[in-house]
C-alpha atoms as a PDB file:
ATOM      1  CA  MET A   1      20.409   7.670  56.740  1.00  0.00           C
ATOM      2  CA  ALA A   2      17.228   8.025  54.728  1.00  0.00           C
ATOM      3  CA  GLN A   3      17.312   8.764  51.073  1.00  0.00           C
ATOM      4  CA  ARG A   4      17.474  12.455  51.946  1.00  0.00           C
ATOM      5  CA  THR A   5      19.666  13.138  54.949  1.00  0.00           C
ATOM      6  CA  GLY A   6      21.193  16.030  56.791  1.00  0.00           C
ATOM      7  CA  GLU A   7      24.613  17.446  56.070  1.00  0.00           C
ATOM      8  CA  GLU A   8      26.479  20.492  57.303  1.00  0.00           C
ATOM      9  CA  ALA A   9      27.193  22.815  54.389  1.00  0.00           C
ATOM     10  CA  ALA A  10      30.376  24.871  54.475  1.00  0.00           C
ATOM     11  CA  HIS A  11      29.092  27.513  52.110  1.00  0.00           C
ATOM     12  CA  ASP A  12      26.672  30.379  52.346  1.00  0.00           C
ATOM     13  CA  SER A  13      24.769  32.952  50.457  1.00  0.00           C
ATOM     14  CA  PRO A  14      25.102  32.256  46.698  1.00  0.00           C
ATOM     15  CA  LYS A  15      24.453  28.615  47.506  1.00  0.00           C
ATOM     16  CA  ASP A  16      21.424  29.143  49.736  1.00  0.00           C
ATOM     17  CA  ALA A  17      17.886  28.903  48.305  1.00  0.00           C
ATOM     18  CA  LEU A  18      14.895  30.419  50.072  1.00  0.00           C
ATOM     19  CA  ARG A  19      11.392  29.066  50.286  1.00  0.00           C
ATOM     20  CA  ASP A  20       8.507  31.284  51.395  1.00  0.00           C
ATOM     21  CA  HIS A  21       5.347  29.740  52.829  1.00  0.00           C
ATOM     22  CA  GLY A  22       2.575  32.340  52.627  1.00  0.00           C
ATOM     23  CA  SER A  23      -0.704  32.491  54.471  1.00  0.00           C
ATOM     24  CA  GLY A  24      -3.866  33.785  52.857  1.00  0.00           C
ATOM     25  CA  ILE A  25      -5.087  37.174  54.105  1.00  0.00           C
ATOM     26  CA  ARG A  26      -8.778  37.954  53.933  1.00  0.00           C
ATOM     27  CA  ALA A  27      -9.859  41.560  54.475  1.00  0.00           C
ATOM     28  CA  ARG A  28     -12.896  42.339  56.652  1.00  0.00           C
ATOM     29  CA  SER A  29     -15.056  45.271  55.704  1.00  0.00           C
ATOM     30  CA  ASN A  30     -14.858  47.055  59.035  1.00  0.00           C
ATOM     31  CA  ALA A  31     -11.180  46.971  59.880  1.00  0.00           C
ATOM     32  CA  GLU A  32      -8.051  44.883  60.101  1.00  0.00           C
ATOM     33  CA  PRO A  33      -7.037  42.013  57.869  1.00  0.00           C
ATOM     34  CA  GLN A  34      -7.632  38.593  59.339  1.00  0.00           C
ATOM     35  CA  MET A  35      -5.178  35.705  59.005  1.00  0.00           C
ATOM     36  CA  THR A  36      -6.694  32.479  57.773  1.00  0.00           C
ATOM     37  CA  SER A  37      -5.360  28.933  57.790  1.00  0.00           C
ATOM     38  CA  GLN A  38      -6.006  28.535  54.080  1.00  0.00           C
ATOM     39  CA  PRO A  39      -2.687  28.568  52.182  1.00  0.00           C
ATOM     40  CA  THR A  40      -2.258  30.485  48.978  1.00  0.00           C
ATOM     41  CA  PRO A  41      -1.389  28.490  45.851  1.00  0.00           C
ATOM     42  CA  SER A  42       2.272  27.465  45.777  1.00  0.00           C
ATOM     43  CA  GLN A  43       4.473  28.982  43.093  1.00  0.00           C
ATOM     44  CA  THR A  44       7.557  27.473  41.535  1.00  0.00           C
ATOM     45  CA  ILE A  45      10.806  29.273  40.866  1.00  0.00           C
ATOM     46  CA  GLY A  46      12.121  30.072  37.429  1.00  0.00           C
ATOM     47  CA  PRO A  47      12.894  29.555  34.770  1.00  0.00           C
ATOM     48  CA  PHE A  48      15.110  32.627  35.106  1.00  0.00           C
ATOM     49  CA  PHE A  49      18.600  31.253  35.586  1.00  0.00           C
ATOM     50  CA  HIS A  50      20.055  32.131  32.192  1.00  0.00           C
ATOM     51  CA  ASP A  51      18.686  35.662  32.403  1.00  0.00           C
ATOM     52  CA  ALA A  52      19.542  36.478  36.012  1.00  0.00           C
ATOM     53  CA  LEU A  53      22.261  34.191  37.376  1.00  0.00           C
ATOM     54  CA  LEU A  54      24.227  32.858  34.420  1.00  0.00           C
ATOM     55  CA  ASP A  55      25.357  36.168  32.981  1.00  0.00           C
ATOM     56  CA  ARG A  56      28.996  35.051  33.107  1.00  0.00           C
ATOM     57  CA  ASP A  57      30.746  31.700  32.939  1.00  0.00           C
ATOM     58  CA  ARG A  58      31.645  30.301  36.363  1.00  0.00           C
ATOM     59  CA  SER A  59      32.041  26.706  35.192  1.00  0.00           C
ATOM     60  CA  GLU A  60      35.846  26.830  35.052  1.00  0.00           C
ATOM     61  CA  LEU A  61      37.229  26.876  38.577  1.00  0.00           C
ATOM     62  CA  VAL A  62      40.766  26.589  37.169  1.00  0.00           C
ATOM     63  CA  SER A  63      42.322  27.400  33.811  1.00  0.00           C
ATOM     64  CA  PRO A  64      42.394  24.659  31.153  1.00  0.00           C
ATOM     65  CA  GLY A  65      46.187  24.550  31.442  1.00  0.00           C
ATOM     66  CA  HIS A  66      46.182  23.888  35.179  1.00  0.00           C
ATOM     67  CA  PRO A  67      48.286  20.758  35.899  1.00  0.00           C
ATOM     68  CA  GLY A  68      45.639  19.310  38.222  1.00  0.00           C
ATOM     69  CA  ALA A  69      42.588  20.187  36.115  1.00  0.00           C
ATOM     70  CA  ILE A  70      39.797  17.609  35.826  1.00  0.00           C
ATOM     71  CA  ARG A  71      36.535  17.859  33.936  1.00  0.00           C
ATOM     72  CA  ILE A  72      33.171  16.839  35.385  1.00  0.00           C
ATOM     73  CA  GLU A  73      30.237  16.505  33.000  1.00  0.00           C
ATOM     74  CA  GLY A  74      26.674  15.341  33.428  1.00  0.00           C
ATOM     75  CA  THR A  75      23.058  15.508  32.321  1.00  0.00           C
ATOM     76  CA  ILE A  76      19.966  16.344  34.378  1.00  0.00           C
ATOM     77  CA  TYR A  77      17.000  13.986  33.913  1.00  0.00           C
ATOM     78  CA  ASP A  78      13.437  14.169  35.232  1.00  0.00           C
ATOM     79  CA  GLY A  79      11.439  11.232  36.535  1.00  0.00           C
ATOM     80  CA  SER A  80      10.409  10.204  33.025  1.00  0.00           C
ATOM     81  CA  GLY A  81      13.971  10.108  31.762  1.00  0.00           C
ATOM     82  CA  GLU A  82      13.612  13.345  29.812  1.00  0.00           C
ATOM     83  CA  VAL A  83      16.442  15.867  29.922  1.00  0.00           C
ATOM     84  CA  VAL A  84      15.868  19.065  31.903  1.00  0.00           C
ATOM     85  CA  PRO A  85      17.107  22.242  30.205  1.00  0.00           C
ATOM     86  CA  ASP A  86      17.391  25.607  31.945  1.00  0.00           C
ATOM     87  CA  THR A  87      18.654  24.070  35.179  1.00  0.00           C
ATOM     88  CA  MET A  88      21.382  25.655  37.267  1.00  0.00           C
ATOM     89  CA  VAL A  89      24.025  23.504  38.947  1.00  0.00           C
ATOM     90  CA  GLU A  90      26.383  24.846  41.611  1.00  0.00           C
ATOM     91  CA  ILE A  91      29.371  23.092  43.145  1.00  0.00           C
ATOM     92  CA  TRP A  92      31.366  23.805  46.294  1.00  0.00           C
ATOM     93  CA  GLN A  93      34.510  21.953  47.278  1.00  0.00           C
ATOM     94  CA  ALA A  94      37.828  22.017  49.093  1.00  0.00           C
ATOM     95  CA  ASN A  95      41.089  22.569  47.247  1.00  0.00           C
ATOM     96  CA  ARG A  96      43.676  19.856  46.598  1.00  0.00           C
ATOM     97  CA  ALA A  97      45.005  20.218  50.142  1.00  0.00           C
ATOM     98  CA  GLY A  98      41.548  19.607  51.606  1.00  0.00           C
ATOM     99  CA  ARG A  99      40.907  23.188  52.745  1.00  0.00           C
ATOM    100  CA  TYR A 100      37.865  25.313  51.936  1.00  0.00           C
ATOM    101  CA  ASP A 101      38.221  28.943  50.878  1.00  0.00           C
ATOM    102  CA  HIS A 102      35.851  30.019  53.639  1.00  0.00           C
ATOM    103  CA  PRO A 103      36.353  31.894  56.942  1.00  0.00           C
ATOM    104  CA  ALA A 104      34.981  28.924  58.888  1.00  0.00           C
ATOM    105  CA  ASP A 105      37.911  26.802  57.702  1.00  0.00           C
ATOM    106  CA  ASP A 106      40.753  28.259  59.765  1.00  0.00           C
ATOM    107  CA  ARG A 107      43.193  25.355  59.437  1.00  0.00           C
ATOM    108  CA  GLU A 108      46.238  27.470  58.743  1.00  0.00           C
ATOM    109  CA  ASP A 109      48.480  24.417  58.453  1.00  0.00           C
ATOM    110  CA  LEU A 110      46.808  23.713  55.100  1.00  0.00           C
ATOM    111  CA  PRO A 111      47.489  26.089  52.201  1.00  0.00           C
ATOM    112  CA  LEU A 112      44.915  28.093  50.287  1.00  0.00           C
ATOM    113  CA  ASP A 113      45.096  28.489  46.528  1.00  0.00           C
ATOM    114  CA  GLU A 114      44.715  32.140  45.566  1.00  0.00           C
ATOM    115  CA  ASP A 115      43.440  31.165  42.129  1.00  0.00           C
ATOM    116  CA  PHE A 116      40.857  28.674  43.375  1.00  0.00           C
ATOM    117  CA  SER A 117      37.692  29.706  45.221  1.00  0.00           C
ATOM    118  CA  GLY A 118      36.039  26.268  45.297  1.00  0.00           C
ATOM    119  CA  PHE A 119      32.725  27.602  43.955  1.00  0.00           C
ATOM    120  CA  GLY A 120      31.384  26.982  40.463  1.00  0.00           C
ATOM    121  CA  ARG A 121      28.110  27.492  38.613  1.00  0.00           C
ATOM    122  CA  SER A 122      26.918  26.010  35.328  1.00  0.00           C
ATOM    123  CA  GLY A 123      23.649  26.140  33.475  1.00  0.00           C
ATOM    124  CA  THR A 124      22.324  23.204  31.492  1.00  0.00           C
ATOM    125  CA  ASN A 125      21.954  23.515  27.745  1.00  0.00           C
ATOM    126  CA  ALA A 126      19.031  22.377  25.606  1.00  0.00           C
ATOM    127  CA  SER A 127      20.230  18.791  26.060  1.00  0.00           C
ATOM    128  CA  GLY A 128      20.236  19.104  29.856  1.00  0.00           C
ATOM    129  CA  GLU A 129      24.045  18.983  30.018  1.00  0.00           C
ATOM    130  CA  PHE A 130      26.358  20.787  32.443  1.00  0.00           C
ATOM    131  CA  SER A 131      30.144  20.854  32.752  1.00  0.00           C
ATOM    132  CA  PHE A 132      32.828  21.985  35.204  1.00  0.00           C
ATOM    133  CA  LEU A 133      36.601  22.268  35.042  1.00  0.00           C
ATOM    134  CA  THR A 134      38.011  21.939  38.530  1.00  0.00           C
ATOM    135  CA  VAL A 135      40.573  20.048  40.637  1.00  0.00           C
ATOM    136  CA  ARG A 136      40.289  16.914  42.715  1.00  0.00           C
ATOM    137  CA  PRO A 137      39.651  18.003  46.322  1.00  0.00           C
ATOM    138  CA  GLY A 138      41.590  16.574  49.233  1.00  0.00           C
ATOM    139  CA  PRO A 139      39.931  14.713  52.108  1.00  0.00           C
ATOM    140  CA  VAL A 140      38.155  16.920  54.649  1.00  0.00           C
ATOM    141  CA  PRO A 141      36.981  16.406  58.250  1.00  0.00           C
ATOM    142  CA  GLY A 142      33.275  15.949  58.897  1.00  0.00           C
ATOM    143  CA  PRO A 143      31.275  17.630  61.677  1.00  0.00           C
ATOM    144  CA  ASP A 144      32.190  14.806  64.052  1.00  0.00           C
ATOM    145  CA  GLY A 145      35.878  14.946  63.158  1.00  0.00           C
ATOM    146  CA  ARG A 146      35.904  11.773  61.055  1.00  0.00           C
ATOM    147  CA  VAL A 147      37.690  12.125  57.725  1.00  0.00           C
ATOM    148  CA  GLN A 148      35.442  12.295  54.662  1.00  0.00           C
ATOM    149  CA  ALA A 149      36.500  10.963  51.280  1.00  0.00           C
ATOM    150  CA  PRO A 150      37.293  13.535  48.579  1.00  0.00           C
ATOM    151  CA  HIS A 151      34.004  14.841  47.257  1.00  0.00           C
ATOM    152  CA  VAL A 152      32.279  17.773  45.578  1.00  0.00           C
ATOM    153  CA  MET A 153      29.061  19.188  46.997  1.00  0.00           C
ATOM    154  CA  VAL A 154      26.352  19.900  44.413  1.00  0.00           C
ATOM    155  CA  SER A 155      23.215  22.054  44.472  1.00  0.00           C
ATOM    156  CA  VAL A 156      20.589  21.753  41.740  1.00  0.00           C
ATOM    157  CA  PHE A 157      18.078  24.519  40.995  1.00  0.00           C
ATOM    158  CA  ALA A 158      15.360  23.760  38.441  1.00  0.00           C
ATOM    159  CA  ARG A 159      11.905  24.833  37.372  1.00  0.00           C
ATOM    160  CA  GLY A 160       9.249  23.226  39.517  1.00  0.00           C
ATOM    161  CA  LEU A 161      11.476  23.092  42.613  1.00  0.00           C
ATOM    162  CA  LEU A 162      10.598  25.237  45.609  1.00  0.00           C
ATOM    163  CA  ASP A 163      14.036  24.585  47.055  1.00  0.00           C
ATOM    164  CA  ARG A 164      17.379  23.393  45.776  1.00  0.00           C
ATOM    165  CA  LEU A 165      18.364  19.732  45.742  1.00  0.00           C
ATOM    166  CA  VAL A 166      21.681  18.878  47.367  1.00  0.00           C
ATOM    167  CA  THR A 167      23.873  15.919  46.540  1.00  0.00           C
ATOM    168  CA  ARG A 168      27.547  14.955  46.360  1.00  0.00           C
ATOM    169  CA  ILE A 169      30.028  13.688  43.780  1.00  0.00           C
ATOM    170  CA  TYR A 170      32.515  11.053  44.930  1.00  0.00           C
ATOM    171  CA  PHE A 171      35.443   9.741  42.889  1.00  0.00           C
ATOM    172  CA  PRO A 172      35.457   6.213  41.434  1.00  0.00           C
ATOM    173  CA  ASP A 173      39.150   5.554  42.141  1.00  0.00           C
ATOM    174  CA  GLU A 174      38.836   6.327  45.875  1.00  0.00           C
ATOM    175  CA  GLU A 175      37.391   2.941  46.844  1.00  0.00           C
ATOM    176  CA  GLU A 176      39.182   2.715  50.194  1.00  0.00           C
ATOM    177  CA  ALA A 177      38.291   6.255  51.266  1.00  0.00           C
ATOM    178  CA  ASN A 178      34.723   5.888  49.969  1.00  0.00           C
ATOM    179  CA  ALA A 179      34.238   2.679  51.973  1.00  0.00           C
ATOM    180  CA  VAL A 180      34.798   4.485  55.278  1.00  0.00           C
ATOM    181  CA  ASP A 181      33.268   7.845  54.368  1.00  0.00           C
ATOM    182  CA  PRO A 182      30.677   8.586  57.094  1.00  0.00           C
ATOM    183  CA  VAL A 183      28.085   9.875  54.611  1.00  0.00           C
ATOM    184  CA  LEU A 184      28.400   7.138  52.000  1.00  0.00           C
ATOM    185  CA  SER A 185      28.624   4.335  54.549  1.00  0.00           C
ATOM    186  CA  SER A 186      25.444   5.545  56.264  1.00  0.00           C
ATOM    187  CA  ILE A 187      23.405   4.877  53.108  1.00  0.00           C
ATOM    188  CA  GLU A 188      22.314   1.256  53.422  1.00  0.00           C
ATOM    189  CA  ASP A 189      20.906   0.927  49.909  1.00  0.00           C
ATOM    190  CA  GLN A 190      23.864  -0.030  47.686  1.00  0.00           C
ATOM    191  CA  GLU A 191      22.172   1.157  44.501  1.00  0.00           C
ATOM    192  CA  LEU A 192      21.348   4.517  46.039  1.00  0.00           C
ATOM    193  CA  ARG A 193      24.913   4.857  47.301  1.00  0.00           C
ATOM    194  CA  ARG A 194      26.267   4.245  43.809  1.00  0.00           C
ATOM    195  CA  THR A 195      24.328   7.239  42.482  1.00  0.00           C
ATOM    196  CA  LEU A 196      26.855   9.454  44.303  1.00  0.00           C
ATOM    197  CA  ILE A 197      29.934   8.012  42.603  1.00  0.00           C
ATOM    198  CA  ALA A 198      30.995   9.466  39.257  1.00  0.00           C
ATOM    199  CA  CYS A 199      32.050   7.306  36.305  1.00  0.00           C
ATOM    200  CA  ASN A 200      35.381   7.741  34.540  1.00  0.00           C
ATOM    201  CA  GLU A 201      34.794   8.042  30.806  1.00  0.00           C
ATOM    202  CA  GLY A 202      38.141   8.438  29.101  1.00  0.00           C
ATOM    203  CA  GLY A 203      39.529  10.868  31.650  1.00  0.00           C
ATOM    204  CA  VAL A 204      36.277  12.821  32.023  1.00  0.00           C
ATOM    205  CA  LEU A 205      34.224  12.227  35.157  1.00  0.00           C
ATOM    206  CA  ARG A 206      30.557  11.724  34.332  1.00  0.00           C
ATOM    207  CA  PHE A 207      27.911  12.445  36.942  1.00  0.00           C
ATOM    208  CA  ASP A 208      24.323  12.324  35.716  1.00  0.00           C
ATOM    209  CA  ILE A 209      21.603  13.567  38.061  1.00  0.00           C
ATOM    210  CA  HIS A 210      18.133  11.996  38.095  1.00  0.00           C
ATOM    211  CA  LEU A 211      15.631  14.207  39.907  1.00  0.00           C
ATOM    212  CA  GLN A 212      13.009  11.465  40.391  1.00  0.00           C
ATOM    213  CA  GLY A 213      12.100   7.950  39.353  1.00  0.00           C
ATOM    214  CA  ASP A 214      13.742   4.547  39.668  1.00  0.00           C
ATOM    215  CA  LYS A 215      17.206   5.990  39.019  1.00  0.00           C
ATOM    216  CA  GLN A 216      16.794   8.944  41.395  1.00  0.00           C
ATOM    217  CA  THR A 217      20.035  10.362  42.705  1.00  0.00           C
ATOM    218  CA  ALA A 218      20.524  10.417  46.481  1.00  0.00           C
ATOM    219  CA  PHE A 219      19.744  13.891  47.797  1.00  0.00           C
ATOM    220  CA  PHE A 220      20.314  15.363  51.252  1.00  0.00           C
ATOM    221  CA  GLU A 221      18.142  17.635  53.370  1.00  0.00           C
ATOM    222  CA  PHE A 222      19.484  19.766  56.188  1.00  0.00           C
END
Protein backbone atom coordinates (compact mmCIF):
# COMPACT_ATOMS: atom_id res chain seq x y z
CA MET A 1 0.00 0.00 0.00
CA ALA A 2 1.22 3.48 -0.81
CA GLN A 3 0.95 6.26 1.67
CA ARG A 4 -2.56 6.92 0.36
CA THR A 5 -4.43 3.73 -0.43
CA GLY A 6 -7.88 2.57 -1.32
CA GLU A 7 -10.49 1.51 1.19
CA GLU A 8 -14.15 0.63 0.92
CA ALA A 9 -16.21 3.09 2.95
CA ALA A 10 -19.39 1.84 4.59
CA HIS A 11 -20.97 5.25 4.82
CA ASP A 12 -22.59 7.63 2.40
CA SER A 13 -23.91 11.06 1.89
CA PRO A 14 -22.98 13.23 4.91
CA LYS A 15 -19.52 11.72 4.70
CA ASP A 16 -19.01 12.21 0.97
CA ALA A 17 -17.16 15.28 -0.36
CA LEU A 18 -17.51 16.44 -3.96
CA ARG A 19 -14.87 17.93 -6.18
CA ASP A 20 -15.81 19.74 -9.39
CA HIS A 21 -13.28 20.10 -12.20
CA GLY A 22 -14.46 22.90 -14.49
CA SER A 23 -13.46 23.67 -18.04
CA GLY A 24 -13.14 27.21 -19.32
CA ILE A 25 -15.85 28.34 -21.76
CA ARG A 26 -15.01 31.01 -24.30
CA ALA A 27 -17.89 32.62 -26.19
CA ARG A 28 -17.59 33.24 -29.94
CA SER A 29 -19.24 36.31 -31.37
CA ASN A 30 -21.32 34.52 -33.97
CA ALA A 31 -22.86 31.65 -32.07
CA GLU A 32 -22.29 28.80 -29.66
CA PRO A 33 -19.85 28.69 -26.78
CA GLN A 34 -16.69 26.76 -27.47
CA MET A 35 -15.05 24.42 -24.95
CA THR A 36 -11.37 25.02 -24.41
CA SER A 37 -8.72 22.88 -22.75
CA GLN A 38 -7.66 25.73 -20.48
CA PRO A 39 -8.83 25.04 -16.91
CA THR A 40 -10.37 27.72 -14.78
CA PRO A 41 -8.56 28.64 -11.56
CA SER A 42 -9.13 26.08 -8.81
CA GLN A 43 -11.10 27.17 -5.76
CA THR A 44 -10.83 25.81 -2.25
CA ILE A 45 -13.71 24.96 0.02
CA GLY A 46 -14.58 26.85 3.16
CA PRO A 47 -14.12 28.05 5.67
CA PHE A 48 -17.85 27.59 6.26
CA PHE A 49 -18.10 24.61 8.58
CA HIS A 50 -19.10 26.42 11.76
CA ASP A 51 -21.75 28.41 9.92
CA ALA A 52 -23.26 25.67 7.78
CA LEU A 53 -22.47 22.21 9.15
CA LEU A 54 -21.73 22.58 12.85
CA ASP A 55 -25.02 24.12 13.91
CA ARG A 56 -25.53 21.39 16.52
CA ASP A 57 -23.20 19.20 18.55
CA ARG A 58 -22.71 15.74 17.04
CA SER A 59 -19.48 14.99 18.92
CA GLU A 60 -21.15 12.80 21.56
CA LEU A 61 -22.17 9.51 20.00
CA VAL A 62 -23.20 8.22 23.44
CA SER A 63 -24.19 9.92 26.68
CA PRO A 64 -21.43 10.72 29.20
CA GLY A 65 -22.93 8.16 31.58
CA HIS A 66 -22.76 5.30 29.08
CA PRO A 67 -20.89 2.35 30.68
CA GLY A 68 -18.76 1.81 27.56
CA ALA A 69 -18.05 5.48 26.80
CA ILE A 70 -14.53 6.44 25.68
CA ARG A 71 -13.20 9.85 24.76
CA ILE A 72 -11.06 10.51 21.68
CA GLU A 73 -9.27 13.85 21.46
CA GLY A 74 -6.80 15.31 19.00
CA THR A 75 -5.33 18.35 17.31
CA ILE A 76 -5.05 19.12 13.59
CA TYR A 77 -1.64 20.39 12.42
CA ASP A 78 -0.49 21.71 9.05
CA GLY A 79 2.83 20.94 7.42
CA SER A 80 4.60 23.64 9.42
CA GLY A 81 3.36 22.31 12.74
CA GLU A 82 0.81 25.09 13.17
CA VAL A 83 -2.65 24.21 14.45
CA VAL A 84 -5.53 24.36 11.97
CA PRO A 85 -8.71 25.96 13.32
CA ASP A 86 -12.07 25.81 11.55
CA THR A 87 -11.58 22.21 10.46
CA MET A 88 -14.38 19.67 10.49
CA VAL A 89 -13.72 16.08 11.55
CA GLU A 90 -16.22 13.27 10.97
CA ILE A 91 -16.04 9.72 12.29
CA TRP A 92 -17.88 6.56 11.26
CA GLN A 93 -17.62 3.27 13.09
CA ALA A 94 -19.25 -0.01 14.04
CA ASN A 95 -20.88 -0.51 17.42
CA ARG A 96 -19.42 -2.64 20.22
CA ALA A 97 -20.71 -5.80 18.53
CA GLY A 98 -18.90 -4.93 15.30
CA ARG A 99 -22.01 -4.02 13.29
CA TYR A 100 -22.58 -0.80 11.34
CA ASP A 101 -25.88 1.06 11.54
CA HIS A 102 -26.20 0.97 7.76
CA PRO A 103 -28.48 -0.95 5.37
CA ALA A 104 -25.46 -2.57 3.71
CA ASP A 105 -24.61 -4.32 6.99
CA ASP A 106 -27.34 -6.96 7.13
CA ARG A 107 -25.69 -9.30 9.64
CA GLU A 108 -28.77 -9.89 11.73
CA ASP A 109 -26.90 -12.19 14.11
CA LEU A 110 -25.19 -9.08 15.50
CA PRO A 111 -27.28 -6.59 17.49
CA LEU A 112 -27.80 -2.94 16.66
CA ASP A 113 -27.80 -0.27 19.35
CA GLU A 114 -30.83 1.98 18.98
CA ASP A 115 -29.02 4.81 20.75
CA PHE A 116 -25.85 4.59 18.67
CA SER A 117 -25.69 5.62 15.01
CA GLY A 118 -21.91 5.31 14.59
CA PHE A 119 -21.60 8.77 13.00
CA GLY A 120 -20.08 11.80 14.70
CA ARG A 121 -18.97 15.29 13.68
CA SER A 122 -16.76 17.77 15.51
CA GLY A 123 -15.31 21.11 14.58
CA THR A 124 -11.88 22.22 15.72
CA ASN A 125 -11.58 25.19 18.05
CA ALA A 126 -9.09 28.05 17.83
CA SER A 127 -6.40 25.68 19.10
CA GLY A 128 -7.13 23.13 16.36
CA GLU A 129 -8.61 20.64 18.84
CA PHE A 130 -11.47 18.20 18.30
CA SER A 131 -13.13 15.69 20.63
CA PHE A 132 -15.54 12.75 20.46
CA LEU A 133 -17.34 10.66 23.06
CA THR A 134 -18.03 7.24 21.63
CA VAL A 135 -17.62 3.50 22.28
CA ARG A 136 -14.91 1.06 21.31
CA PRO A 137 -16.05 -0.67 18.09
CA GLY A 138 -15.90 -4.42 17.66
CA PRO A 139 -13.87 -6.10 14.92
CA VAL A 140 -15.43 -5.98 11.45
CA PRO A 141 -14.90 -7.97 8.23
CA GLY A 142 -13.04 -6.32 5.37
CA PRO A 143 -14.05 -6.42 1.69
CA ASP A 144 -12.16 -9.69 1.25
CA GLY A 145 -13.70 -11.27 4.34
CA ARG A 146 -10.60 -10.98 6.53
CA VAL A 147 -11.26 -9.62 10.01
CA GLN A 148 -10.13 -6.04 10.61
CA ALA A 149 -8.97 -4.81 14.00
CA PRO A 150 -11.31 -2.46 15.88
CA HIS A 151 -10.98 0.96 14.31
CA VAL A 152 -12.72 4.28 13.69
CA MET A 153 -12.84 5.77 10.21
CA VAL A 154 -12.06 9.50 10.05
CA SER A 155 -12.73 12.18 7.42
CA VAL A 156 -11.05 15.58 7.64
CA PHE A 157 -12.43 18.66 5.87
CA ALA A 158 -10.33 21.83 6.00
CA ARG A 159 -9.75 25.09 4.19
CA GLY A 160 -7.45 24.62 1.23
CA LEU A 161 -8.61 21.04 0.58
CA LEU A 162 -10.53 20.28 -2.59
CA ASP A 163 -11.53 16.92 -1.14
CA ARG A 164 -11.68 15.33 2.27
CA LEU A 165 -8.77 13.40 3.76
CA VAL A 166 -9.56 9.92 5.04
CA THR A 167 -7.69 8.06 7.74
CA ARG A 168 -8.32 5.58 10.56
CA ILE A 169 -7.89 5.40 14.33
CA TYR A 170 -6.67 2.10 15.77
CA PHE A 171 -6.45 1.25 19.47
CA PRO A 172 -3.10 0.96 21.27
CA ASP A 173 -4.11 -2.04 23.41
CA GLU A 174 -5.12 -4.17 20.39
CA GLU A 175 -1.57 -5.22 19.47
CA GLU A 176 -2.50 -8.74 18.36
CA ALA A 177 -5.45 -7.63 16.24
CA ASN A 178 -3.50 -4.68 14.82
CA ALA A 179 -0.63 -6.97 13.78
CA VAL A 180 -2.88 -8.96 11.44
CA ASP A 181 -5.18 -6.14 10.32
CA PRO A 182 -5.10 -6.19 6.48
CA VAL A 183 -4.91 -2.39 6.20
CA LEU A 184 -2.26 -1.77 8.85
CA SER A 185 -0.12 -4.73 7.81
CA SER A 186 -0.10 -3.53 4.20
CA ILE A 187 1.71 -0.32 5.19
CA GLU A 188 5.40 -1.21 5.02
CA ASP A 189 6.68 1.98 6.62
CA GLN A 190 6.59 1.38 10.39
CA GLU A 191 6.58 5.08 11.23
CA LEU A 192 3.71 5.75 8.86
CA ARG A 193 1.79 2.81 10.31
CA ARG A 194 2.19 4.20 13.82
CA THR A 195 0.44 7.42 12.79
CA LEU A 196 -2.82 5.41 12.73
CA ILE A 197 -2.59 4.19 16.32
CA ALA A 198 -3.95 6.42 19.08
CA CYS A 199 -2.09 7.04 22.35
CA ASN A 200 -3.65 6.39 25.75
CA GLU A 201 -3.24 9.48 27.92
CA GLY A 202 -4.78 8.77 31.29
CA GLY A 203 -7.85 7.03 29.91
CA VAL A 204 -8.31 9.48 27.02
CA LEU A 205 -7.30 8.33 23.56
CA ARG A 206 -5.23 10.96 21.77
CA PHE A 207 -5.10 11.02 17.99
CA ASP A 208 -3.37 14.03 16.46
CA ILE A 209 -3.64 14.51 12.70
CA HIS A 210 -0.80 16.03 10.67
CA LEU A 211 -1.98 17.11 7.23
CA GLN A 212 1.53 17.37 5.71
CA GLY A 213 5.20 17.35 6.59
CA ASP A 214 7.56 14.87 8.21
CA LYS A 215 4.90 13.73 10.70
CA GLN A 216 2.13 13.42 8.10
CA THR A 217 -0.64 11.04 9.06
CA ALA A 218 -1.33 8.12 6.71
CA PHE A 219 -4.31 8.96 4.51
CA PHE A 220 -6.27 6.74 2.14
CA GLU A 221 -7.68 7.42 -1.32
CA PHE A 222 -10.49 5.42 -2.86
